[in-house]
Amino acid sequence: METLEFVIHPDGRVEEKVTGIIGASCAEVTAAIEAQLGQVVSQQSTSEFFTTNTQQSSVVNAQNAFSDW
């Protein structure tokens, strides 16, 4: 589940936390919001940012042997 969490501090700072989005696509999701909020002072990437989508595929070769007994 994708989640965007915003904490607005009394001094006007906005803290944003993104979870559930794998890889750098979180930057695409938040770009428009950040542009409206103002200057980004710092960013800290989570482990989800460094995760890549990998698909594992396996091919099973099945060979049926019939005996003539």
PDB file of N, CA and C in Angstrom:
ATOM      1  N   MET A   1       0.833  -1.164   0.000  1.00  0.00           N
ATOM      2  CA  MET A   1       0.000   0.000   0.000  1.00  0.00           C
ATOM      3  C   MET A   1       0.892   1.246   0.000  1.00  0.00           C
ATOM      4  N   GLU A   2       0.607   2.163  -0.892  1.00  0.00           N
ATOM      5  CA  GLU A   2       1.373   3.403  -0.983  1.00  0.00           C
ATOM      6  C   GLU A   2       0.816   4.422  -0.002  1.00  0.00           C
ATOM      7  N   THR A   3       1.723   5.067   0.746  1.00  0.00           N
ATOM      8  CA  THR A   3       1.305   6.028   1.746  1.00  0.00           C
ATOM      9  C   THR A   3       2.183   7.269   1.689  1.00  0.00           C
ATOM     10  N   LEU A   4       1.557   8.435   1.709  1.00  0.00           N
ATOM     11  CA  LEU A   4       2.262   9.705   1.842  1.00  0.00           C
ATOM     12  C   LEU A   4       1.826  10.308   3.173  1.00  0.00           C
ATOM     13  N   GLU A   5       2.800  10.615   4.016  1.00  0.00           N
ATOM     14  CA  GLU A   5       2.505  11.183   5.330  1.00  0.00           C
ATOM     15  C   GLU A   5       3.171  12.548   5.424  1.00  0.00           C
ATOM     16  N   PHE A   6       2.416  13.557   5.861  1.00  0.00           N
ATOM     17  CA  PHE A   6       2.943  14.905   6.002  1.00  0.00           C
ATOM     18  C   PHE A   6       2.773  15.361   7.439  1.00  0.00           C
ATOM     19  N   VAL A   7       3.856  15.901   7.996  1.00  0.00           N
ATOM     20  CA  VAL A   7       3.823  16.479   9.337  1.00  0.00           C
ATOM     21  C   VAL A   7       4.163  17.955   9.167  1.00  0.00           C
ATOM     22  N   ILE A   8       3.252  18.824   9.594  1.00  0.00           N
ATOM     23  CA  ILE A   8       3.478  20.267   9.508  1.00  0.00           C
ATOM     24  C   ILE A   8       3.876  20.754  10.906  1.00  0.00           C
ATOM     25  N   HIS A   9       5.100  21.242  11.018  1.00  0.00           N
ATOM     26  CA  HIS A   9       5.641  21.699  12.292  1.00  0.00           C
ATOM     27  C   HIS A   9       5.178  23.126  12.577  1.00  0.00           C
ATOM     28  N   PRO A  10       5.180  23.542  13.848  1.00  0.00           N
ATOM     29  CA  PRO A  10       4.740  24.896  14.206  1.00  0.00           C
ATOM     30  C   PRO A  10       5.526  26.014  13.506  1.00  0.00           C
ATOM     31  N   ASP A  11       6.794  25.741  13.164  1.00  0.00           N
ATOM     32  CA  ASP A  11       7.597  26.768  12.496  1.00  0.00           C
ATOM     33  C   ASP A  11       7.393  26.790  10.978  1.00  0.00           C
ATOM     34  N   GLY A  12       6.476  25.962  10.468  1.00  0.00           N
ATOM     35  CA  GLY A  12       6.159  25.976   9.041  1.00  0.00           C
ATOM     36  C   GLY A  12       6.850  24.897   8.222  1.00  0.00           C
ATOM     37  N   ARG A  13       7.804  24.213   8.819  1.00  0.00           N
ATOM     38  CA  ARG A  13       8.469  23.124   8.094  1.00  0.00           C
ATOM     39  C   ARG A  13       7.484  21.999   7.846  1.00  0.00           C
ATOM     40  N   VAL A  14       7.617  21.362   6.701  1.00  0.00           N
ATOM     41  CA  VAL A  14       6.771  20.214   6.367  1.00  0.00           C
ATOM     42  C   VAL A  14       7.672  19.001   6.211  1.00  0.00           C
ATOM     43  N   GLU A  15       7.358  17.975   6.944  1.00  0.00           N
ATOM     44  CA  GLU A  15       8.105  16.715   6.856  1.00  0.00           C
ATOM     45  C   GLU A  15       7.243  15.728   6.085  1.00  0.00           C
ATOM     46  N   GLU A  16       7.846  15.120   5.084  1.00  0.00           N
ATOM     47  CA  GLU A  16       7.115  14.202   4.204  1.00  0.00           C
ATOM     48  C   GLU A  16       7.737  12.816   4.307  1.00  0.00           C
ATOM     49  N   LYS A  17       6.909  11.802   4.432  1.00  0.00           N
ATOM     50  CA  LYS A  17       7.399  10.426   4.488  1.00  0.00           C
ATOM     51  C   LYS A  17       6.599   9.599   3.492  1.00  0.00           C
ATOM     52  N   VAL A  18       7.315   8.903   2.627  1.00  0.00           N
ATOM     53  CA  VAL A  18       6.694   8.077   1.596  1.00  0.00           C
ATOM     54  C   VAL A  18       7.004   6.621   1.903  1.00  0.00           C
ATOM     55  N   THR A  19       5.979   5.783   1.930  1.00  0.00           N
ATOM     56  CA  THR A  19       6.188   4.354   2.134  1.00  0.00           C
ATOM     57  C   THR A  19       5.373   3.579   1.108  1.00  0.00           C
ATOM     58  N   GLY A  20       5.844   2.409   0.797  1.00  0.00           N
ATOM     59  CA  GLY A  20       5.113   1.527  -0.104  1.00  0.00           C
ATOM     60  C   GLY A  20       5.418   1.736  -1.574  1.00  0.00           C
ATOM     61  N   ILE A  21       6.356   2.617  -1.878  1.00  0.00           N
ATOM     62  CA  ILE A  21       6.743   2.846  -3.274  1.00  0.00           C
ATOM     63  C   ILE A  21       8.187   2.402  -3.409  1.00  0.00           C
ATOM     64  N   ILE A  22       8.421   1.469  -4.306  1.00  0.00           N
ATOM     65  CA  ILE A  22       9.755   0.897  -4.463  1.00  0.00           C
ATOM     66  C   ILE A  22      10.532   1.655  -5.535  1.00  0.00           C
ATOM     67  N   GLY A  23      11.791   1.944  -5.226  1.00  0.00           N
ATOM     68  CA  GLY A  23      12.669   2.590  -6.187  1.00  0.00           C
ATOM     69  C   GLY A  23      12.508   4.098  -6.203  1.00  0.00           C
ATOM     70  N   ALA A  24      13.069   4.713  -7.237  1.00  0.00           N
ATOM     71  CA  ALA A  24      13.095   6.165  -7.339  1.00  0.00           C
ATOM     72  C   ALA A  24      11.768   6.759  -7.799  1.00  0.00           C
ATOM     73  N   SER A  25      10.778   5.945  -8.082  1.00  0.00           N
ATOM     74  CA  SER A  25       9.494   6.474  -8.544  1.00  0.00           C
ATOM     75  C   SER A  25       8.795   7.302  -7.474  1.00  0.00           C
ATOM     76  N   CYS A  26       9.221   7.202  -6.225  1.00  0.00           N
ATOM     77  CA  CYS A  26       8.630   8.032  -5.174  1.00  0.00           C
ATOM     78  C   CYS A  26       8.885   9.509  -5.458  1.00  0.00           C
ATOM     79  N   ALA A  27      10.013   9.832  -6.080  1.00  0.00           N
ATOM     80  CA  ALA A  27      10.311  11.216  -6.431  1.00  0.00           C
ATOM     81  C   ALA A  27       9.317  11.740  -7.462  1.00  0.00           C
ATOM     82  N   GLU A  28       8.903  10.887  -8.378  1.00  0.00           N
ATOM     83  CA  GLU A  28       7.912  11.287  -9.375  1.00  0.00           C
ATOM     84  C   GLU A  28       6.560  11.546  -8.716  1.00  0.00           C
ATOM     85  N   VAL A  29       6.217  10.733  -7.738  1.00  0.00           N
ATOM     86  CA  VAL A  29       4.934  10.858  -7.052  1.00  0.00           C
ATOM     87  C   VAL A  29       4.874  12.159  -6.248  1.00  0.00           C
ATOM     88  N   THR A  30       5.963  12.545  -5.626  1.00  0.00           N
ATOM     89  CA  THR A  30       5.964  13.692  -4.729  1.00  0.00           C
ATOM     90  C   THR A  30       6.417  14.999  -5.370  1.00  0.00           C
ATOM     91  N   ALA A  31       6.882  14.973  -6.603  1.00  0.00           N
ATOM     92  CA  ALA A  31       7.444  16.170  -7.246  1.00  0.00           C
ATOM     93  C   ALA A  31       6.458  17.330  -7.291  1.00  0.00           C
ATOM     94  N   ALA A  32       5.237  17.096  -7.701  1.00  0.00           N
ATOM     95  CA  ALA A  32       4.251  18.179  -7.812  1.00  0.00           C
ATOM     96  C   ALA A  32       3.913  18.762  -6.438  1.00  0.00           C
ATOM     97  N   ILE A  33       3.806  17.897  -5.442  1.00  0.00           N
ATOM     98  CA  ILE A  33       3.497  18.365  -4.088  1.00  0.00           C
ATOM     99  C   ILE A  33       4.640  19.210  -3.549  1.00  0.00           C
ATOM    100  N   GLU A  34       5.866  18.737  -3.733  1.00  0.00           N
ATOM    101  CA  GLU A  34       7.029  19.469  -3.243  1.00  0.00           C
ATOM    102  C   GLU A  34       7.167  20.816  -3.939  1.00  0.00           C
ATOM    103  N   ALA A  35       6.820  20.893  -5.214  1.00  0.00           N
ATOM    104  CA  ALA A  35       6.888  22.157  -5.944  1.00  0.00           C
ATOM    105  C   ALA A  35       5.926  23.181  -5.346  1.00  0.00           C
ATOM    106  N   GLN A  36       4.773  22.723  -4.876  1.00  0.00           N
ATOM    107  CA  GLN A  36       3.791  23.617  -4.268  1.00  0.00           C
ATOM    108  C   GLN A  36       4.170  24.004  -2.838  1.00  0.00           C
ATOM    109  N   LEU A  37       4.866  23.123  -2.146  1.00  0.00           N
ATOM    110  CA  LEU A  37       5.225  23.390  -0.753  1.00  0.00           C
ATOM    111  C   LEU A  37       6.377  24.372  -0.617  1.00  0.00           C
ATOM    112  N   GLY A  38       7.295  24.361  -1.565  1.00  0.00           N
ATOM    113  CA  GLY A  38       8.433  25.273  -1.480  1.00  0.00           C
ATOM    114  C   GLY A  38       9.753  24.538  -1.573  1.00  0.00           C
ATOM    115  N   GLN A  39      10.785  25.151  -1.045  1.00  0.00           N
ATOM    116  CA  GLN A  39      12.148  24.641  -1.152  1.00  0.00           C
ATOM    117  C   GLN A  39      12.335  23.376  -0.327  1.00  0.00           C
ATOM    118  N   VAL A  40      12.938  22.363  -0.948  1.00  0.00           N
ATOM    119  CA  VAL A  40      13.294  21.133  -0.243  1.00  0.00           C
ATOM    120  C   VAL A  40      14.653  21.359   0.407  1.00  0.00           C
ATOM    121  N   VAL A  41      14.694  21.232   1.723  1.00  0.00           N
ATOM    122  CA  VAL A  41      15.919  21.495   2.470  1.00  0.00           C
ATOM    123  C   VAL A  41      16.782  20.250   2.555  1.00  0.00           C
ATOM    124  N   SER A  42      16.160  19.097   2.782  1.00  0.00           N
ATOM    125  CA  SER A  42      16.924  17.852   2.867  1.00  0.00           C
ATOM    126  C   SER A  42      16.037  16.680   2.486  1.00  0.00           C
ATOM    127  N   GLN A  43      16.685  15.608   2.082  1.00  0.00           N
ATOM    128  CA  GLN A  43      16.000  14.365   1.748  1.00  0.00           C
ATOM    129  C   GLN A  43      16.783  13.212   2.341  1.00  0.00           C
ATOM    130  N   GLN A  44      16.064  12.202   2.774  1.00  0.00           N
ATOM    131  CA  GLN A  44      16.697  10.997   3.302  1.00  0.00           C
ATOM    132  C   GLN A  44      15.980   9.801   2.687  1.00  0.00           C
ATOM    133  N   SER A  45      16.712   9.013   1.942  1.00  0.00           N
ATOM    134  CA  SER A  45      16.134   7.853   1.267  1.00  0.00           C
ATOM    135  C   SER A  45      15.965   6.693   2.227  1.00  0.00           C
ATOM    136  N   THR A  46      14.860   5.971   2.069  1.00  0.00           N
ATOM    137  CA  THR A  46      14.615   4.786   2.887  1.00  0.00           C
ATOM    138  C   THR A  46      15.138   3.557   2.153  1.00  0.00           C
ATOM    139  N   SER A  47      15.058   2.425   2.795  1.00  0.00           N
ATOM    140  CA  SER A  47      15.520   1.191   2.161  1.00  0.00           C
ATOM    141  C   SER A  47      14.668   0.842   0.943  1.00  0.00           C
ATOM    142  N   GLU A  48      13.403   1.279   0.926  1.00  0.00           N
ATOM    143  CA  GLU A  48      12.535   1.015  -0.226  1.00  0.00           C
ATOM    144  C   GLU A  48      13.056   1.715  -1.479  1.00  0.00           C
ATOM    145  N   PHE A  49      13.723   2.856  -1.300  1.00  0.00           N
ATOM    146  CA  PHE A  49      14.282   3.588  -2.427  1.00  0.00           C
ATOM    147  C   PHE A  49      15.340   2.747  -3.147  1.00  0.00           C
ATOM    148  N   PHE A  50      16.118   2.006  -2.388  1.00  0.00           N
ATOM    149  CA  PHE A  50      17.216   1.232  -2.947  1.00  0.00           C
ATOM    150  C   PHE A  50      16.793  -0.168  -3.393  1.00  0.00           C
ATOM    151  N   THR A  51      15.541  -0.513  -3.167  1.00  0.00           N
ATOM    152  CA  THR A  51      15.019  -1.813  -3.572  1.00  0.00           C
ATOM    153  C   THR A  51      14.679  -1.767  -5.056  1.00  0.00           C
ATOM    154  N   THR A  52      14.967  -2.829  -5.743  1.00  0.00           N
ATOM    155  CA  THR A  52      14.627  -2.906  -7.155  1.00  0.00           C
ATOM    156  C   THR A  52      13.582  -3.979  -7.376  1.00  0.00           C
ATOM    157  N   ASN A  53      12.771  -3.771  -8.380  1.00  0.00           N
ATOM    158  CA  ASN A  53      11.788  -4.781  -8.751  1.00  0.00           C
ATOM    159  C   ASN A  53      12.500  -5.856  -9.552  1.00  0.00           C
ATOM    160  N   THR A  54      12.547  -7.030  -9.021  1.00  0.00           N
ATOM    161  CA  THR A  54      13.147  -8.141  -9.748  1.00  0.00           C
ATOM    162  C   THR A  54      12.103  -9.222  -9.914  1.00  0.00           C
ATOM    163  N   GLN A  55      12.097  -9.759 -11.077  1.00  0.00           N
ATOM    164  CA  GLN A  55      11.182 -10.855 -11.332  1.00  0.00           C
ATOM    165  C   GLN A  55      11.997 -12.101 -11.562  1.00  0.00           C
ATOM    166  N   GLN A  56      11.625 -13.105 -10.864  1.00  0.00           N
ATOM    167  CA  GLN A  56      12.312 -14.371 -11.036  1.00  0.00           C
ATOM    168  C   GLN A  56      11.445 -15.264 -11.899  1.00  0.00           C
ATOM    169  N   SER A  57      12.071 -15.834 -12.870  1.00  0.00           N
ATOM    170  CA  SER A  57      11.329 -16.787 -13.685  1.00  0.00           C
ATOM    171  C   SER A  57      12.126 -18.080 -13.708  1.00  0.00           C
ATOM    172  N   SER A  58      11.422 -19.130 -13.708  1.00  0.00           N
ATOM    173  CA  SER A  58      12.092 -20.411 -13.774  1.00  0.00           C
ATOM    174  C   SER A  58      11.427 -21.242 -14.854  1.00  0.00           C
ATOM    175  N   VAL A  59      12.247 -21.906 -15.577  1.00  0.00           N
ATOM    176  CA  VAL A  59      11.762 -22.785 -16.631  1.00  0.00           C
ATOM    177  C   VAL A  59      12.002 -24.205 -16.174  1.00  0.00           C
ATOM    178  N   VAL A  60      10.962 -24.961 -16.187  1.00  0.00           N
ATOM    179  CA  VAL A  60      11.063 -26.347 -15.754  1.00  0.00           C
ATOM    180  C   VAL A  60      10.960 -27.223 -16.987  1.00  0.00           C
ATOM    181  N   ASN A  61      11.972 -28.004 -17.174  1.00  0.00           N
ATOM    182  CA  ASN A  61      11.958 -28.966 -18.270  1.00  0.00           C
ATOM    183  C   ASN A  61      11.576 -30.314 -17.686  1.00  0.00           C
ATOM    184  N   ALA A  62      10.413 -30.747 -18.042  1.00  0.00           N
ATOM    185  CA  ALA A  62       9.947 -32.026 -17.542  1.00  0.00           C
ATOM    186  C   ALA A  62      10.082 -33.064 -18.670  1.00  0.00           C
ATOM    187  N   GLN A  63      10.656 -34.170 -18.316  1.00  0.00           N
ATOM    188  CA  GLN A  63      10.822 -35.226 -19.307  1.00  0.00           C
ATOM    189  C   GLN A  63      10.163 -36.479 -18.753  1.00  0.00           C
ATOM    190  N   ASN A  64       9.227 -36.975 -19.477  1.00  0.00           N
ATOM    191  CA  ASN A  64       8.535 -38.194 -19.051  1.00  0.00           C
ATOM    192  C   ASN A  64       9.190 -39.381 -19.725  1.00  0.00           C
ATOM    193  N   ALA A  65       9.504 -40.359 -18.933  1.00  0.00           N
ATOM    194  CA  ALA A  65      10.130 -41.557 -19.457  1.00  0.00           C
ATOM    195  C   ALA A  65       9.117 -42.706 -19.332  1.00  0.00           C
ATOM    196  N   PHE A  66       8.909 -43.378 -20.407  1.00  0.00           N
ATOM    197  CA  PHE A  66       7.985 -44.515 -20.425  1.00  0.00           C
ATOM    198  C   PHE A  66       8.801 -45.787 -20.621  1.00  0.00           C
ATOM    199  N   SER A  67       8.461 -46.770 -19.883  1.00  0.00           N
ATOM    200  CA  SER A  67       9.189 -48.022 -20.035  1.00  0.00           C
ATOM    201  C   SER A  67       8.274 -49.048 -20.736  1.00  0.00           C
ATOM    202  N   ASP A  68       8.897 -49.961 -21.372  1.00  0.00           N
ATOM    203  CA  ASP A  68       8.174 -51.014 -22.093  1.00  0.00           C
ATOM    204  C   ASP A  68       8.197 -52.312 -21.315  1.00  0.00           C
ATOM    205  N   TRP A  69       7.793 -52.325 -20.114  1.00  0.00           N
ATOM    206  CA  TRP A  69       7.812 -53.571 -19.391  1.00  0.00           C
ATOM    207  C   TRP A  69       6.557 -54.203 -19.428  1.00  0.00           C
TER     208      TRP A  69
END
